[in-house]
Amino acid sequence: MEDYTKYALGAAFGGIIVKMSYFLWLYPNDDWDMYVRFSYLLLFLLALFLGLRSFKSKYPQSDFTIDVKTGMKTTSIFAIIISAFTWIYYKWINPGYFANKIEDVKVAAAQSEEATQNAINTAEFIFNAFTHSTITLFGMMVIGFFYTLILVLIVRAKPEVFTS
């Protein structure tokens, strides 16, 4: 198993631990939900950086496309695991989260003069475990691609800093 795979797996399972810790000890406080998302980003960037660094130390003469592929492998492993966990989390661990969000939309729509069934249908589509996990997967892949490009360009600009 390559080092970048180990870093991606470690970061993904670290993110799962952070999310479950939040659910078990801090859940009613929605202010902490933002910090869980930031921890996902921090762990992802750490895995991406360490994975690219270890790859470049083994293969210092690799070309740009190989470096980007390596970064995207790290990204895809992390994104698939977090996306699958997101679906499991909102489907079975905390199914009431989206039910509460949909109920909030229904209450707001009932109080509004422009209450429509379309707004409620849209909320039921968006606040769904499958939709949320799919958006998580594609969002992480897109963000991961851009972060990979940035990190690869930095690593290629100053390789001596990352290979020592």
N, C-alpha and C. Protein backbone atom coordinates (compact mmCIF):
# COMPACT_ATOMS: atom_id res chain seq x y z
N MET A 1 0.85 -1.17 0.00
CA MET A 1 0.00 0.00 0.00
C MET A 1 0.90 1.24 0.00
N GLU A 2 0.60 2.15 -0.90
CA GLU A 2 1.38 3.39 -1.01
C GLU A 2 1.13 4.30 0.19
N ASP A 3 2.08 5.18 0.45
CA ASP A 3 1.97 6.09 1.58
C ASP A 3 0.79 7.05 1.43
N TYR A 4 0.54 7.53 0.19
CA TYR A 4 -0.57 8.47 0.01
C TYR A 4 -1.91 7.81 0.32
N THR A 5 -2.01 6.51 0.10
CA THR A 5 -3.23 5.79 0.46
C THR A 5 -3.38 5.73 1.98
N LYS A 6 -2.30 5.49 2.67
CA LYS A 6 -2.34 5.44 4.13
C LYS A 6 -2.74 6.79 4.71
N TYR A 7 -2.18 7.85 4.13
CA TYR A 7 -2.54 9.18 4.62
C TYR A 7 -4.02 9.49 4.36
N ALA A 8 -4.53 9.11 3.21
CA ALA A 8 -5.93 9.35 2.89
C ALA A 8 -6.84 8.56 3.82
N LEU A 9 -6.51 7.31 4.05
CA LEU A 9 -7.31 6.48 4.96
C LEU A 9 -7.27 7.03 6.38
N GLY A 10 -6.09 7.42 6.83
CA GLY A 10 -5.97 7.98 8.17
C GLY A 10 -6.75 9.27 8.34
N ALA A 11 -6.69 10.13 7.35
CA ALA A 11 -7.43 11.39 7.42
C ALA A 11 -8.94 11.15 7.38
N ALA A 12 -9.38 10.22 6.54
CA ALA A 12 -10.82 9.93 6.45
C ALA A 12 -11.34 9.35 7.77
N PHE A 13 -10.60 8.42 8.33
CA PHE A 13 -11.05 7.84 9.60
C PHE A 13 -10.92 8.84 10.74
N GLY A 14 -9.96 9.75 10.65
CA GLY A 14 -9.89 10.84 11.61
C GLY A 14 -11.10 11.75 11.52
N GLY A 15 -11.55 12.02 10.28
CA GLY A 15 -12.76 12.81 10.09
C GLY A 15 -14.00 12.12 10.63
N ILE A 16 -14.06 10.82 10.47
CA ILE A 16 -15.19 10.05 11.01
C ILE A 16 -15.19 10.12 12.53
N ILE A 17 -14.01 10.01 13.13
CA ILE A 17 -13.91 10.11 14.59
C ILE A 17 -14.36 11.48 15.07
N VAL A 18 -13.95 12.53 14.36
CA VAL A 18 -14.36 13.89 14.74
C VAL A 18 -15.88 14.04 14.65
N LYS A 19 -16.48 13.55 13.56
CA LYS A 19 -17.94 13.69 13.38
C LYS A 19 -18.70 12.89 14.43
N MET A 20 -18.24 11.68 14.72
CA MET A 20 -18.93 10.87 15.73
C MET A 20 -18.73 11.44 17.13
N SER A 21 -17.57 12.02 17.40
CA SER A 21 -17.35 12.68 18.69
C SER A 21 -18.30 13.86 18.84
N TYR A 22 -18.45 14.61 17.77
CA TYR A 22 -19.40 15.73 17.78
C TYR A 22 -20.81 15.22 18.04
N PHE A 23 -21.20 14.16 17.37
CA PHE A 23 -22.55 13.62 17.53
C PHE A 23 -22.79 13.11 18.95
N LEU A 24 -21.81 12.45 19.52
CA LEU A 24 -21.99 11.84 20.83
C LEU A 24 -21.94 12.85 21.98
N TRP A 25 -21.13 13.91 21.84
CA TRP A 25 -20.93 14.79 22.98
C TRP A 25 -21.40 16.22 22.77
N LEU A 26 -21.52 16.71 21.55
CA LEU A 26 -21.84 18.11 21.34
C LEU A 26 -23.04 18.33 20.43
N TYR A 27 -23.76 17.30 20.04
CA TYR A 27 -24.73 17.39 18.96
C TYR A 27 -25.77 18.48 19.10
N PRO A 28 -26.41 18.67 20.22
CA PRO A 28 -27.47 19.69 20.22
C PRO A 28 -26.97 21.09 19.87
N ASN A 29 -25.67 21.32 20.02
CA ASN A 29 -25.09 22.62 19.73
C ASN A 29 -24.68 22.66 18.26
N ASP A 30 -25.50 23.29 17.41
CA ASP A 30 -25.24 23.35 15.98
C ASP A 30 -24.06 24.25 15.61
N ASP A 31 -23.60 25.07 16.56
CA ASP A 31 -22.47 25.95 16.27
C ASP A 31 -21.21 25.14 15.99
N TRP A 32 -21.10 23.97 16.56
CA TRP A 32 -19.92 23.13 16.38
C TRP A 32 -19.91 22.41 15.05
N ASP A 33 -21.02 22.38 14.36
CA ASP A 33 -21.09 21.69 13.07
C ASP A 33 -20.12 22.30 12.06
N MET A 34 -19.94 23.60 12.11
CA MET A 34 -19.00 24.27 11.23
C MET A 34 -17.56 23.79 11.49
N TYR A 35 -17.23 23.58 12.75
CA TYR A 35 -15.89 23.13 13.09
C TYR A 35 -15.64 21.70 12.60
N VAL A 36 -16.67 20.89 12.55
CA VAL A 36 -16.52 19.54 12.00
C VAL A 36 -16.18 19.64 10.51
N ARG A 37 -16.86 20.52 9.80
CA ARG A 37 -16.56 20.70 8.37
C ARG A 37 -15.14 21.21 8.17
N PHE A 38 -14.71 22.13 9.01
CA PHE A 38 -13.33 22.63 8.91
C PHE A 38 -12.32 21.55 9.24
N SER A 39 -12.67 20.66 10.16
CA SER A 39 -11.75 19.57 10.48
C SER A 39 -11.63 18.61 9.29
N TYR A 40 -12.73 18.38 8.56
CA TYR A 40 -12.65 17.59 7.32
C TYR A 40 -11.65 18.22 6.35
N LEU A 41 -11.76 19.52 6.17
CA LEU A 41 -10.88 20.22 5.25
C LEU A 41 -9.42 20.16 5.72
N LEU A 42 -9.21 20.38 7.00
CA LEU A 42 -7.85 20.33 7.54
C LEU A 42 -7.24 18.94 7.37
N LEU A 43 -7.99 17.91 7.71
CA LEU A 43 -7.48 16.54 7.57
C LEU A 43 -7.23 16.19 6.12
N PHE A 44 -8.12 16.65 5.25
CA PHE A 44 -7.94 16.38 3.81
C PHE A 44 -6.67 17.05 3.29
N LEU A 45 -6.48 18.32 3.62
CA LEU A 45 -5.29 19.03 3.16
C LEU A 45 -4.01 18.43 3.74
N LEU A 46 -4.07 18.00 4.98
CA LEU A 46 -2.92 17.35 5.59
C LEU A 46 -2.58 16.05 4.87
N ALA A 47 -3.60 15.24 4.57
CA ALA A 47 -3.37 13.98 3.85
C ALA A 47 -2.83 14.25 2.45
N LEU A 48 -3.39 15.23 1.78
CA LEU A 48 -2.93 15.56 0.44
C LEU A 48 -1.48 16.03 0.44
N PHE A 49 -1.15 16.91 1.36
CA PHE A 49 0.21 17.41 1.45
C PHE A 49 1.20 16.30 1.78
N LEU A 50 0.89 15.51 2.82
CA LEU A 50 1.80 14.45 3.22
C LEU A 50 1.91 13.37 2.15
N GLY A 51 0.80 13.07 1.48
CA GLY A 51 0.84 12.08 0.41
C GLY A 51 1.70 12.53 -0.76
N LEU A 52 1.54 13.78 -1.17
CA LEU A 52 2.37 14.30 -2.26
C LEU A 52 3.83 14.40 -1.84
N ARG A 53 4.07 14.77 -0.62
CA ARG A 53 5.45 14.88 -0.12
C ARG A 53 6.13 13.52 -0.12
N SER A 54 5.43 12.50 0.36
CA SER A 54 6.05 11.16 0.39
C SER A 54 6.25 10.62 -1.02
N PHE A 55 5.30 10.92 -1.92
CA PHE A 55 5.46 10.46 -3.30
C PHE A 55 6.64 11.13 -3.97
N LYS A 56 6.78 12.44 -3.78
CA LYS A 56 7.88 13.17 -4.40
C LYS A 56 9.23 12.78 -3.79
N SER A 57 9.25 12.34 -2.55
CA SER A 57 10.53 11.90 -1.98
C SER A 57 10.96 10.57 -2.58
N LYS A 58 9.99 9.73 -2.97
CA LYS A 58 10.32 8.45 -3.61
C LYS A 58 10.60 8.62 -5.10
N TYR A 59 9.84 9.49 -5.76
CA TYR A 59 9.95 9.69 -7.20
C TYR A 59 10.17 11.18 -7.50
N PRO A 60 11.35 11.69 -7.26
CA PRO A 60 11.58 13.13 -7.43
C PRO A 60 11.52 13.60 -8.89
N GLN A 61 11.70 12.70 -9.84
CA GLN A 61 11.70 13.09 -11.25
C GLN A 61 10.37 12.84 -11.95
N SER A 62 9.30 12.60 -11.20
CA SER A 62 8.00 12.35 -11.83
C SER A 62 7.50 13.62 -12.51
N ASP A 63 6.71 13.42 -13.56
CA ASP A 63 6.23 14.59 -14.30
C ASP A 63 4.94 15.13 -13.67
N PHE A 64 4.48 16.23 -14.21
CA PHE A 64 3.34 16.97 -13.66
C PHE A 64 2.08 16.11 -13.61
N THR A 65 1.77 15.39 -14.67
CA THR A 65 0.53 14.61 -14.70
C THR A 65 0.55 13.47 -13.69
N ILE A 66 1.69 12.85 -13.48
CA ILE A 66 1.80 11.79 -12.48
C ILE A 66 1.59 12.35 -11.08
N ASP A 67 2.13 13.53 -10.84
CA ASP A 67 1.94 14.18 -9.53
C ASP A 67 0.46 14.51 -9.30
N VAL A 68 -0.20 15.02 -10.33
CA VAL A 68 -1.63 15.34 -10.20
C VAL A 68 -2.45 14.06 -9.99
N LYS A 69 -2.11 13.00 -10.71
CA LYS A 69 -2.81 11.73 -10.52
C LYS A 69 -2.65 11.21 -9.10
N THR A 70 -1.46 11.35 -8.57
CA THR A 70 -1.21 10.91 -7.20
C THR A 70 -2.05 11.71 -6.21
N GLY A 71 -2.10 13.01 -6.40
CA GLY A 71 -2.94 13.85 -5.54
C GLY A 71 -4.41 13.51 -5.66
N MET A 72 -4.85 13.21 -6.88
CA MET A 72 -6.26 12.86 -7.06
C MET A 72 -6.58 11.47 -6.50
N LYS A 73 -5.60 10.59 -6.45
CA LYS A 73 -5.83 9.30 -5.79
C LYS A 73 -6.09 9.50 -4.31
N THR A 74 -5.28 10.36 -3.69
CA THR A 74 -5.50 10.69 -2.29
C THR A 74 -6.87 11.34 -2.10
N THR A 75 -7.20 12.26 -2.99
CA THR A 75 -8.49 12.95 -2.93
C THR A 75 -9.65 11.97 -3.07
N SER A 76 -9.56 11.07 -4.02
CA SER A 76 -10.68 10.16 -4.27
C SER A 76 -10.89 9.19 -3.12
N ILE A 77 -9.81 8.69 -2.54
CA ILE A 77 -9.97 7.78 -1.40
C ILE A 77 -10.64 8.50 -0.25
N PHE A 78 -10.15 9.69 0.07
CA PHE A 78 -10.74 10.47 1.16
C PHE A 78 -12.21 10.80 0.86
N ALA A 79 -12.50 11.26 -0.35
CA ALA A 79 -13.86 11.69 -0.70
C ALA A 79 -14.83 10.52 -0.68
N ILE A 80 -14.43 9.37 -1.18
CA ILE A 80 -15.34 8.21 -1.20
C ILE A 80 -15.66 7.76 0.22
N ILE A 81 -14.67 7.70 1.08
CA ILE A 81 -14.91 7.25 2.46
C ILE A 81 -15.79 8.25 3.20
N ILE A 82 -15.49 9.54 3.08
CA ILE A 82 -16.29 10.55 3.78
C ILE A 82 -17.71 10.61 3.21
N SER A 83 -17.85 10.46 1.91
CA SER A 83 -19.17 10.47 1.30
C SER A 83 -20.00 9.26 1.76
N ALA A 84 -19.39 8.10 1.80
CA ALA A 84 -20.10 6.91 2.28
C ALA A 84 -20.48 7.07 3.75
N PHE A 85 -19.57 7.61 4.54
CA PHE A 85 -19.90 7.84 5.94
C PHE A 85 -21.00 8.87 6.09
N THR A 86 -20.99 9.91 5.26
CA THR A 86 -22.04 10.93 5.31
C THR A 86 -23.40 10.30 5.05
N TRP A 87 -23.48 9.40 4.08
CA TRP A 87 -24.75 8.73 3.79
C TRP A 87 -25.18 7.87 4.98
N ILE A 88 -24.25 7.10 5.53
CA ILE A 88 -24.57 6.25 6.68
C ILE A 88 -24.99 7.10 7.87
N TYR A 89 -24.28 8.20 8.09
CA TYR A 89 -24.56 9.06 9.23
C TYR A 89 -25.98 9.63 9.16
N TYR A 90 -26.35 10.21 8.01
CA TYR A 90 -27.66 10.85 7.91
C TYR A 90 -28.78 9.85 7.64
N LYS A 91 -28.46 8.65 7.20
CA LYS A 91 -29.49 7.64 6.95
C LYS A 91 -29.82 6.87 8.22
N TRP A 92 -28.79 6.47 9.00
CA TRP A 92 -29.04 5.59 10.14
C TRP A 92 -28.60 6.14 11.48
N ILE A 93 -27.54 6.88 11.55
CA ILE A 93 -27.05 7.36 12.85
C ILE A 93 -27.86 8.55 13.34
N ASN A 94 -28.11 9.51 12.47
CA ASN A 94 -28.84 10.72 12.85
C ASN A 94 -29.90 11.06 11.80
N PRO A 95 -30.92 10.20 11.65
CA PRO A 95 -31.92 10.47 10.61
C PRO A 95 -32.83 11.66 10.94
N GLY A 96 -32.87 12.07 12.18
CA GLY A 96 -33.71 13.19 12.56
C GLY A 96 -33.17 14.55 12.13
N TYR A 97 -31.91 14.61 11.76
CA TYR A 97 -31.31 15.89 11.39
C TYR A 97 -32.02 16.50 10.19
N PHE A 98 -32.15 15.74 9.11
CA PHE A 98 -32.80 16.26 7.92
C PHE A 98 -34.31 16.38 8.11
N ALA A 99 -34.89 15.51 8.93
CA ALA A 99 -36.33 15.63 9.22
C ALA A 99 -36.62 16.96 9.90
N ASN A 100 -35.74 17.37 10.81
CA ASN A 100 -35.91 18.67 11.48
C ASN A 100 -35.74 19.82 10.50
N LYS A 101 -34.79 19.70 9.59
CA LYS A 101 -34.58 20.75 8.59
C LYS A 101 -35.80 20.88 7.67
N ILE A 102 -36.36 19.76 7.25
CA ILE A 102 -37.56 19.79 6.40
C ILE A 102 -38.73 20.38 7.17
N GLU A 103 -38.85 20.03 8.43
CA GLU A 103 -39.94 20.58 9.25
C GLU A 103 -39.79 22.09 9.41
N ASP A 104 -38.57 22.57 9.55
CA ASP A 104 -38.34 24.02 9.64
C ASP A 104 -38.78 24.72 8.35
N VAL A 105 -38.51 24.10 7.20
CA VAL A 105 -38.93 24.68 5.92
C VAL A 105 -40.46 24.68 5.82
N LYS A 106 -41.08 23.61 6.27
CA LYS A 106 -42.56 23.55 6.23
C LYS A 106 -43.18 24.61 7.11
N VAL A 107 -42.61 24.83 8.29
CA VAL A 107 -43.13 25.86 9.19
C VAL A 107 -42.94 27.24 8.58
N ALA A 108 -41.77 27.49 8.01
CA ALA A 108 -41.51 28.78 7.37
C ALA A 108 -42.41 28.99 6.16
N ALA A 109 -42.67 27.92 5.41
CA ALA A 109 -43.54 28.03 4.23
C ALA A 109 -44.98 28.28 4.66
N ALA A 110 -45.40 27.68 5.76
CA ALA A 110 -46.77 27.88 6.24
C ALA A 110 -46.98 29.31 6.73
N GLN A 111 -45.94 29.93 7.28
CA GLN A 111 -46.06 31.29 7.79
C GLN A 111 -45.90 32.32 6.69
N SER A 112 -45.36 31.94 5.58
CA SER A 112 -45.14 32.86 4.48
C SER A 112 -46.39 32.99 3.62
N GLU A 113 -46.53 34.14 3.01
CA GLU A 113 -47.66 34.34 2.11
C GLU A 113 -47.45 33.60 0.79
N GLU A 114 -46.22 33.31 0.47
CA GLU A 114 -45.89 32.66 -0.78
C GLU A 114 -45.59 31.17 -0.57
N ALA A 115 -46.30 30.55 0.35
CA ALA A 115 -46.06 29.13 0.65
C ALA A 115 -46.45 28.28 -0.56
N THR A 116 -45.49 27.53 -1.01
CA THR A 116 -45.75 26.66 -2.15
C THR A 116 -45.30 25.25 -1.84
N GLN A 117 -45.92 24.33 -2.50
CA GLN A 117 -45.52 22.94 -2.38
C GLN A 117 -44.15 22.72 -3.03
N ASN A 118 -43.83 23.57 -3.99
CA ASN A 118 -42.53 23.46 -4.66
C ASN A 118 -41.38 23.67 -3.68
N ALA A 119 -41.51 24.61 -2.76
CA ALA A 119 -40.46 24.86 -1.77
C ALA A 119 -40.30 23.66 -0.84
N ILE A 120 -41.39 23.05 -0.48
CA ILE A 120 -41.33 21.87 0.38
C ILE A 120 -40.71 20.69 -0.36
N ASN A 121 -41.07 20.51 -1.63
CA ASN A 121 -40.50 19.42 -2.43
C ASN A 121 -39.00 19.63 -2.62
N THR A 122 -38.60 20.86 -2.83
CA THR A 122 -37.17 21.16 -2.98
C THR A 122 -36.43 20.85 -1.69
N ALA A 123 -37.00 21.22 -0.56
CA ALA A 123 -36.37 20.93 0.73
C ALA A 123 -36.26 19.43 0.96
N GLU A 124 -37.29 18.67 0.59
CA GLU A 124 -37.24 17.22 0.77
C GLU A 124 -36.19 16.59 -0.14
N PHE A 125 -35.95 17.19 -1.31
CA PHE A 125 -34.91 16.68 -2.19
C PHE A 125 -33.52 17.01 -1.66
N ILE A 126 -33.34 18.25 -1.23
CA ILE A 126 -32.02 18.69 -0.77
C ILE A 126 -31.66 18.05 0.56
N PHE A 127 -32.60 18.02 1.49
CA PHE A 127 -32.33 17.45 2.81
C PHE A 127 -32.60 15.95 2.79
N ASN A 128 -31.74 15.25 2.07
CA ASN A 128 -31.84 13.82 1.89
C ASN A 128 -30.44 13.25 2.02
N ALA A 129 -30.30 12.09 2.65
CA ALA A 129 -28.97 11.51 2.88
C ALA A 129 -28.25 11.22 1.57
N PHE A 130 -28.96 10.69 0.58
CA PHE A 130 -28.33 10.36 -0.69
C PHE A 130 -27.87 11.62 -1.43
N THR A 131 -28.72 12.63 -1.48
CA THR A 131 -28.36 13.87 -2.15
C THR A 131 -27.16 14.53 -1.47
N HIS A 132 -27.20 14.55 -0.14
CA HIS A 132 -26.11 15.19 0.60
C HIS A 132 -24.79 14.45 0.41
N SER A 133 -24.82 13.13 0.42
CA SER A 133 -23.58 12.38 0.24
C SER A 133 -23.06 12.51 -1.19
N THR A 134 -23.96 12.59 -2.17
CA THR A 134 -23.53 12.79 -3.56
C THR A 134 -22.89 14.16 -3.75
N ILE A 135 -23.49 15.18 -3.19
CA ILE A 135 -22.93 16.52 -3.27
C ILE A 135 -21.58 16.57 -2.54
N THR A 136 -21.49 15.86 -1.42
CA THR A 136 -20.22 15.79 -0.70
C THR A 136 -19.14 15.16 -1.56
N LEU A 137 -19.47 14.07 -2.23
CA LEU A 137 -18.49 13.38 -3.08
C LEU A 137 -18.00 14.28 -4.21
N PHE A 138 -18.92 14.83 -4.97
CA PHE A 138 -18.53 15.67 -6.10
C PHE A 138 -17.85 16.96 -5.65
N GLY A 139 -18.33 17.54 -4.57
CA GLY A 139 -17.71 18.76 -4.05
C GLY A 139 -16.28 18.52 -3.61
N MET A 140 -16.05 17.42 -2.90
CA MET A 140 -14.69 17.12 -2.47
C MET A 140 -13.78 16.81 -3.65
N MET A 141 -14.30 16.18 -4.67
CA MET A 141 -13.47 15.88 -5.83
C MET A 141 -13.08 17.16 -6.57
N VAL A 142 -14.00 18.09 -6.71
CA VAL A 142 -13.69 19.35 -7.38
C VAL A 142 -12.71 20.17 -6.55
N ILE A 143 -13.00 20.32 -5.27
CA ILE A 143 -12.09 21.07 -4.40
C ILE A 143 -10.73 20.38 -4.34
N GLY A 144 -10.75 19.05 -4.28
CA GLY A 144 -9.50 18.30 -4.24
C GLY A 144 -8.67 18.49 -5.49
N PHE A 145 -9.32 18.60 -6.64
CA PHE A 145 -8.59 18.82 -7.88
C PHE A 145 -7.85 20.16 -7.83
N PHE A 146 -8.53 21.19 -7.39
CA PHE A 146 -7.89 22.50 -7.33
C PHE A 146 -6.78 22.54 -6.28
N TYR A 147 -7.01 21.95 -5.12
CA TYR A 147 -5.95 21.91 -4.11
C TYR A 147 -4.78 21.06 -4.58
N THR A 148 -5.06 19.99 -5.31
CA THR A 148 -3.99 19.18 -5.86
C THR A 148 -3.14 19.98 -6.84
N LEU A 149 -3.81 20.72 -7.73
CA LEU A 149 -3.04 21.55 -8.67
C LEU A 149 -2.16 22.56 -7.95
N ILE A 150 -2.71 23.20 -6.95
CA ILE A 150 -1.94 24.20 -6.20
C ILE A 150 -0.76 23.56 -5.50
N LEU A 151 -0.99 22.45 -4.82
CA LEU A 151 0.10 21.80 -4.10
C LEU A 151 1.16 21.23 -5.04
N VAL A 152 0.73 20.67 -6.15
CA VAL A 152 1.70 20.14 -7.11
C VAL A 152 2.56 21.27 -7.67
N LEU A 153 1.95 22.40 -7.97
CA LEU A 153 2.74 23.53 -8.47
C LEU A 153 3.71 24.03 -7.41
N ILE A 154 3.31 24.05 -6.16
CA ILE A 154 4.22 24.48 -5.09
C ILE A 154 5.34 23.47 -4.92
N VAL A 155 5.00 22.18 -4.93
CA VAL A 155 6.02 21.15 -4.77
C VAL A 155 7.00 21.16 -5.93
N ARG A 156 6.52 21.42 -7.12
CA ARG A 156 7.41 21.45 -8.29
C ARG A 156 8.26 22.73 -8.33
N ALA A 157 7.75 23.80 -7.74
CA ALA A 157 8.51 25.05 -7.73
C ALA A 157 9.68 24.99 -6.75
N LYS A 158 9.47 24.36 -5.61
CA LYS A 158 10.51 24.26 -4.58
C LYS A 158 10.64 22.81 -4.12
N PRO A 159 11.17 21.94 -4.96
CA PRO A 159 11.23 20.52 -4.58
C PRO A 159 12.19 20.23 -3.44
N GLU A 160 13.21 21.03 -3.26
CA GLU A 160 14.17 20.78 -2.20
C GLU A 160 13.55 20.93 -0.81
N VAL A 161 12.52 21.74 -0.69
CA VAL A 161 11.86 21.93 0.59
C VAL A 161 11.06 20.69 0.98
N PHE A 162 10.50 20.00 0.00
CA PHE A 162 9.59 18.90 0.28
C PHE A 162 10.26 17.53 0.25
N THR A 163 11.42 17.40 -0.32
CA THR A 163 12.04 16.09 -0.44
C THR A 163 13.12 15.83 0.60
N SER A 164 13.41 16.80 1.42
CA SER A 164 14.46 16.58 2.43
C SER A 164 13.91 15.98 3.70
